[in-house]
Protein backbone atom coordinates (compact mmCIF):
# COMPACT_ATOMS: atom_id res chain seq x y z
CA MET A 1 -8.27 -13.92 5.49
CA SER A 2 -8.57 -16.39 2.65
CA VAL A 3 -12.30 -15.69 2.38
CA GLY A 4 -11.66 -11.96 2.22
CA VAL A 5 -9.06 -12.26 -0.52
CA ALA A 6 -11.18 -14.73 -2.46
CA ALA A 7 -14.03 -12.21 -2.41
CA PHE A 8 -11.76 -9.92 -4.41
CA PHE A 9 -12.32 -12.14 -7.45
CA LEU A 10 -16.10 -12.35 -7.21
CA PRO A 11 -16.57 -9.07 -9.13
CA GLN A 12 -14.77 -10.66 -12.08
CA ALA A 13 -17.48 -13.30 -12.24
CA VAL A 14 -20.05 -10.49 -12.22
CA ALA A 15 -18.23 -8.86 -15.14
CA TRP A 16 -18.39 -12.07 -17.15
CA LEU A 17 -22.01 -12.99 -16.41
CA PHE A 18 -24.01 -9.75 -16.47
CA PRO A 19 -24.40 -6.72 -18.76
CA LEU A 20 -22.55 -3.68 -17.42
CA GLY A 21 -20.82 -6.16 -15.13
CA GLY A 22 -17.45 -4.54 -15.83
CA LEU A 23 -18.55 -1.25 -14.25
CA VAL A 24 -20.04 -3.04 -11.25
CA ALA A 25 -16.89 -5.13 -10.88
CA ALA A 26 -14.67 -2.03 -10.92
CA LEU A 27 -16.75 -0.30 -8.24
CA VAL A 28 -16.83 -3.39 -6.02
CA GLN A 29 -13.08 -3.92 -6.38
CA ILE A 30 -12.41 -0.31 -5.39
CA LEU A 31 -14.53 -0.83 -2.27
CA LEU A 32 -12.61 -4.02 -1.50
CA VAL A 33 -9.29 -2.19 -1.88
CA LEU A 34 -10.53 0.37 0.66
CA TYR A 35 -11.68 -2.40 3.00
CA PHE A 36 -8.32 -4.14 2.78
CA ALA A 37 -6.63 -0.80 3.50
CA LEU A 38 -8.74 -0.64 6.67
CA PHE A 39 -7.64 -4.17 7.59
CA PHE A 40 -3.97 -3.29 7.08
CA GLN A 41 -4.44 -0.24 9.30
CA ASN A 42 -5.85 -2.49 12.03
CA ILE A 43 -2.77 -4.71 11.76
CA LEU A 44 -0.56 -1.66 12.15
CA GLU A 45 -2.39 -0.37 15.22
CA ALA A 46 -2.44 -3.79 16.89
CA SER A 47 1.29 -4.21 16.29
CA MET A 48 2.03 -0.72 17.61
CA ALA A 49 0.29 -1.76 20.84
CA GLY A 50 2.40 -4.92 21.03
CA LYS A 51 -0.54 -7.27 20.54
CA VAL A 52 0.38 -10.78 19.44
CA GLU A 53 -3.10 -11.72 18.20
CA PHE A 54 -3.92 -11.07 14.57
CA PRO A 55 -6.82 -8.58 14.31
CA ALA A 56 -10.20 -9.76 13.08
CA TRP A 57 -11.75 -8.38 9.92
CA PRO A 58 -12.70 -4.77 10.68
CA GLU A 59 -16.19 -3.70 11.59
CA GLN A 60 -16.94 0.01 11.40
CA SER A 61 -20.25 1.32 12.66
CA GLY A 62 -19.84 4.95 11.55
CA GLY A 63 -18.94 6.37 8.18
CA SER A 64 -16.63 9.00 9.67
CA SER A 65 -14.56 6.45 11.59
CA PHE A 66 -14.38 4.26 8.49
CA LEU A 67 -13.12 7.19 6.40
CA GLU A 68 -10.63 8.21 9.07
CA SER A 69 -9.18 4.70 9.24
CA ILE A 70 -8.95 4.48 5.44
CA LEU A 71 -7.11 7.82 5.26
CA SER A 72 -4.70 6.66 7.97
CA PHE A 73 -3.46 4.05 5.51
CA LEU A 74 -3.93 5.65 2.09
CA GLY A 75 -2.93 9.18 3.14
CA PRO A 76 0.69 8.34 4.02
CA TYR A 77 0.98 6.25 0.84
CA ILE A 78 -0.14 9.12 -1.38
CA VAL A 79 2.07 11.64 0.45
CA SER A 80 5.12 9.35 0.29
CA PHE A 81 4.77 8.58 -3.43
CA LEU A 82 3.21 11.85 -4.60
CA PRO A 83 6.23 12.93 -6.72
CA LEU A 84 6.20 9.52 -8.46
CA ILE A 85 2.43 9.66 -8.97
CA VAL A 86 2.69 13.15 -10.49
CA LEU A 87 5.46 11.96 -12.83
CA ARG A 88 3.34 9.00 -13.96
CA CYS A 89 0.31 11.20 -14.54
CA ALA A 90 2.41 13.47 -16.74
CA TYR A 91 3.28 10.59 -19.09
CA ALA A 92 0.54 7.96 -18.60
CA ASN A 93 -1.69 6.99 -21.52
CA PHE A 94 -5.00 7.45 -19.69
CA GLY A 95 -7.07 6.42 -22.70
CA LYS A 96 -5.45 3.00 -22.81
CA LEU A 97 -5.34 2.65 -19.04
CA GLY A 98 -9.05 3.39 -18.77
CA SER A 99 -9.89 0.50 -21.09
CA GLN A 100 -8.20 -2.04 -18.80
CA GLY A 101 -9.29 -3.61 -15.53
CA PHE A 102 -7.80 -1.58 -12.70
CA GLY A 103 -6.36 0.59 -15.47
CA LEU A 104 -6.41 4.03 -13.87
CA ILE A 105 -5.51 2.62 -10.45
CA GLN A 106 -2.25 1.36 -11.99
CA VAL A 107 -1.01 4.94 -11.77
CA PHE A 108 -1.12 4.52 -7.98
CA LEU A 109 -0.53 0.82 -7.38
CA SER A 110 1.91 -0.46 -10.01
CA GLY A 111 5.68 -0.52 -9.64
CA PRO A 112 8.08 2.35 -10.31
CA ILE A 113 7.36 2.07 -14.05
CA PRO A 114 3.66 2.35 -14.96
CA MET A 115 2.32 -0.60 -16.92
CA VAL A 116 1.11 1.51 -19.84
CA VAL A 117 2.97 4.68 -20.82
CA PRO A 118 3.64 6.31 -24.17
CA GLN A 119 7.12 7.21 -25.35
CA VAL A 120 9.06 8.62 -22.42
CA PRO A 121 12.44 10.37 -22.20
CA ALA A 122 15.55 8.42 -21.24
CA TRP A 123 15.59 9.86 -17.73
CA PHE A 124 12.07 8.62 -16.92
CA GLU A 125 13.04 5.14 -15.71
CA PRO A 126 15.97 6.08 -13.41
CA VAL A 127 14.03 9.02 -11.96
CA SER A 128 11.02 6.75 -11.38
CA TRP A 129 13.14 4.25 -9.46
CA MET A 130 14.76 7.04 -7.44
CA LEU A 131 11.36 8.49 -6.46
CA ALA A 132 10.06 5.01 -5.65
CA GLY A 133 13.04 4.41 -3.36
CA ALA A 134 12.56 7.77 -1.63
CA GLY A 135 8.87 7.01 -1.13
CA LEU A 136 9.67 3.59 0.33
CA ILE A 137 12.06 5.17 2.83
CA TYR A 138 9.49 7.78 3.82
CA LEU A 139 6.41 5.54 3.98
CA PRO A 140 6.93 3.39 7.11
CA MET A 141 7.50 6.34 9.43
CA ALA A 142 4.76 8.32 7.66
CA LEU A 143 2.29 5.53 8.49
CA LEU A 144 3.33 5.58 12.14
CA VAL A 145 3.30 9.37 12.41
CA TRP A 146 -0.15 9.65 10.81
CA SER A 147 -1.56 6.95 13.12
CA PHE A 148 -0.15 8.68 16.20
CA PHE A 149 -0.25 12.42 15.47
CA GLY A 150 -2.72 12.76 12.59
CA GLY A 151 -2.43 13.77 8.95
CA ASN A 152 -0.93 17.24 9.36
CA ALA A 153 2.29 15.85 10.83
CA VAL A 154 2.94 13.72 7.72
CA LEU A 155 2.92 16.83 5.54
CA ASN A 156 6.01 18.08 7.39
CA PRO A 157 8.95 16.08 5.98
CA TRP A 158 11.22 17.20 8.79
CA THR A 159 8.94 15.59 11.38
CA VAL A 160 8.99 12.25 9.59
CA ILE A 161 12.73 12.36 8.88
CA ARG A 162 13.55 13.40 12.46
CA PHE A 163 11.65 10.45 13.91
CA ALA A 164 13.21 8.09 11.36
CA LEU A 165 16.67 9.25 12.41
CA ARG A 166 15.71 8.84 16.05
CA ALA A 167 14.78 5.20 15.39
CA GLY A 168 18.29 4.77 13.96
CA GLY A 169 19.57 1.51 12.56
CA SER A 170 16.34 -0.37 13.30
CA TYR A 171 14.52 1.89 10.84
CA ALA A 172 17.16 1.35 8.17
CA LEU A 173 16.87 -2.41 8.72
CA LEU A 174 13.08 -2.20 8.44
CA VAL A 175 13.25 -0.34 5.12
CA GLY A 176 15.74 -2.90 3.82
CA LEU A 177 13.52 -5.80 4.83
CA ILE A 178 10.46 -4.21 3.22
CA ALA A 179 12.42 -3.60 0.02
CA ALA A 180 13.60 -7.22 0.04
CA LEU A 181 10.05 -8.53 0.55
CA LEU A 182 8.63 -6.41 -2.26
CA PHE A 183 11.51 -7.34 -4.58
CA GLY A 184 10.99 -11.02 -3.78
CA TRP A 185 7.28 -10.66 -4.51
CA TRP A 186 8.08 -8.91 -7.79
CA ILE A 187 10.41 -11.77 -8.79
CA GLY A 188 7.73 -14.28 -7.80
CA VAL A 189 5.13 -12.53 -9.95
CA GLY A 190 7.53 -12.77 -12.87
CA LEU A 191 7.84 -16.51 -12.31
CA LEU A 192 4.05 -16.84 -12.10
CA SER A 193 3.78 -15.45 -15.62
CA ALA A 194 4.87 -18.90 -16.81
CA LEU A 195 1.58 -20.39 -15.59
CA PRO A 196 -0.72 -21.07 -18.55
CA VAL A 197 -3.99 -20.21 -16.75
CA GLU A 198 -4.62 -16.48 -16.36
CA TRP A 199 -7.09 -16.71 -13.46
CA MET A 200 -4.65 -18.86 -11.51
CA ARG A 201 -1.89 -16.26 -12.01
CA SER A 202 -4.23 -13.52 -10.80
CA ILE A 203 -5.27 -15.41 -7.67
CA LEU A 204 -1.71 -16.31 -6.68
CA THR A 205 -0.53 -12.76 -7.35
CA VAL A 206 -3.19 -11.18 -5.14
CA PHE A 207 -2.86 -13.78 -2.36
CA SER A 208 0.92 -13.35 -2.23
CA LEU A 209 0.70 -9.53 -2.27
CA PHE A 210 -1.89 -9.61 0.50
CA TYR A 211 0.38 -11.78 2.64
CA VAL A 212 3.42 -9.57 1.98
CA LEU A 213 1.49 -6.42 2.93
CA CYS A 214 0.27 -8.06 6.15
CA VAL A 215 3.87 -8.86 7.08
CA VAL A 216 5.01 -5.34 6.16
CA MET A 217 2.34 -3.67 8.32
CA ARG A 218 3.19 -6.01 11.18
CA MET A 219 6.88 -5.10 10.97
CA ILE A 220 6.16 -1.37 10.83
CA GLY A 221 3.95 -1.56 13.93
CA LEU A 222 6.55 -3.58 15.81
CA LEU A 223 9.19 -0.98 14.93
CA TYR A 224 7.24 1.56 16.96
CA PHE A 225 6.58 -0.89 19.81
CA GLU A 226 10.26 -1.80 20.12
CA ASN A 227 11.42 1.84 19.86
CA ARG A 228 8.59 3.58 21.73
CA HIS A 229 10.83 4.72 24.58
CA ARG A 230 13.40 6.12 22.16
CA LEU A 231 10.77 7.90 20.08
CA GLN A 232 9.03 9.34 23.18
CA TRP A 233 5.77 9.96 21.36
CA GLU A 234 3.61 9.45 24.42
CA ALA A 235 5.36 12.35 26.16
CA ALA A 236 5.02 14.53 23.04
CA ARG A 237 1.29 13.86 22.85
CA ARG A 238 0.65 15.01 26.43
């Protein structure tokens, strides 16, 4: 895993050393984000099956299977946080975002408050946090439902909410643990800002986020494995 995360920073060296390196770096980093999404999806599926072993780095022979696996991870994320993403797009300063590394992707990947926004109304921040919380509650079950039933099921909020209620207190505990992990990571990133070396801050930030996301996907998969008889998805699939 360390090698895979370290490869995330190689495009930055390309950007520094070669003309047009910034464009190449951006394209390579986008591909790496997609590859990591595939890896997280493999962790989820292995955990849903109750496997103890950590999955190896994914190897996809066909483009269609690669795309399907990527959508299984990114699709639920976009559906869960779509209201927040739309709100950000309505107020984001795309000109300034586009001039930064990972600028436009910040609309999708940053916290409840985008990193670069123009003047916003007073209600923007509380509404952003509310939508982020709603998306966080929706996301774990959306990931499971998409992996088991396909993308159409995630578009039906009642399906996702019904299964979340069926999982009961264990689902509420899972959401709380995920929120605590992400909040702890956010606090840690704030502490890392005191480091004087920028590249060191970047490496530690990405490594820690990668680890947190691995733990999160593992917990979500185990939620299904521990509650599979209560959820009764195997019977519904037949």
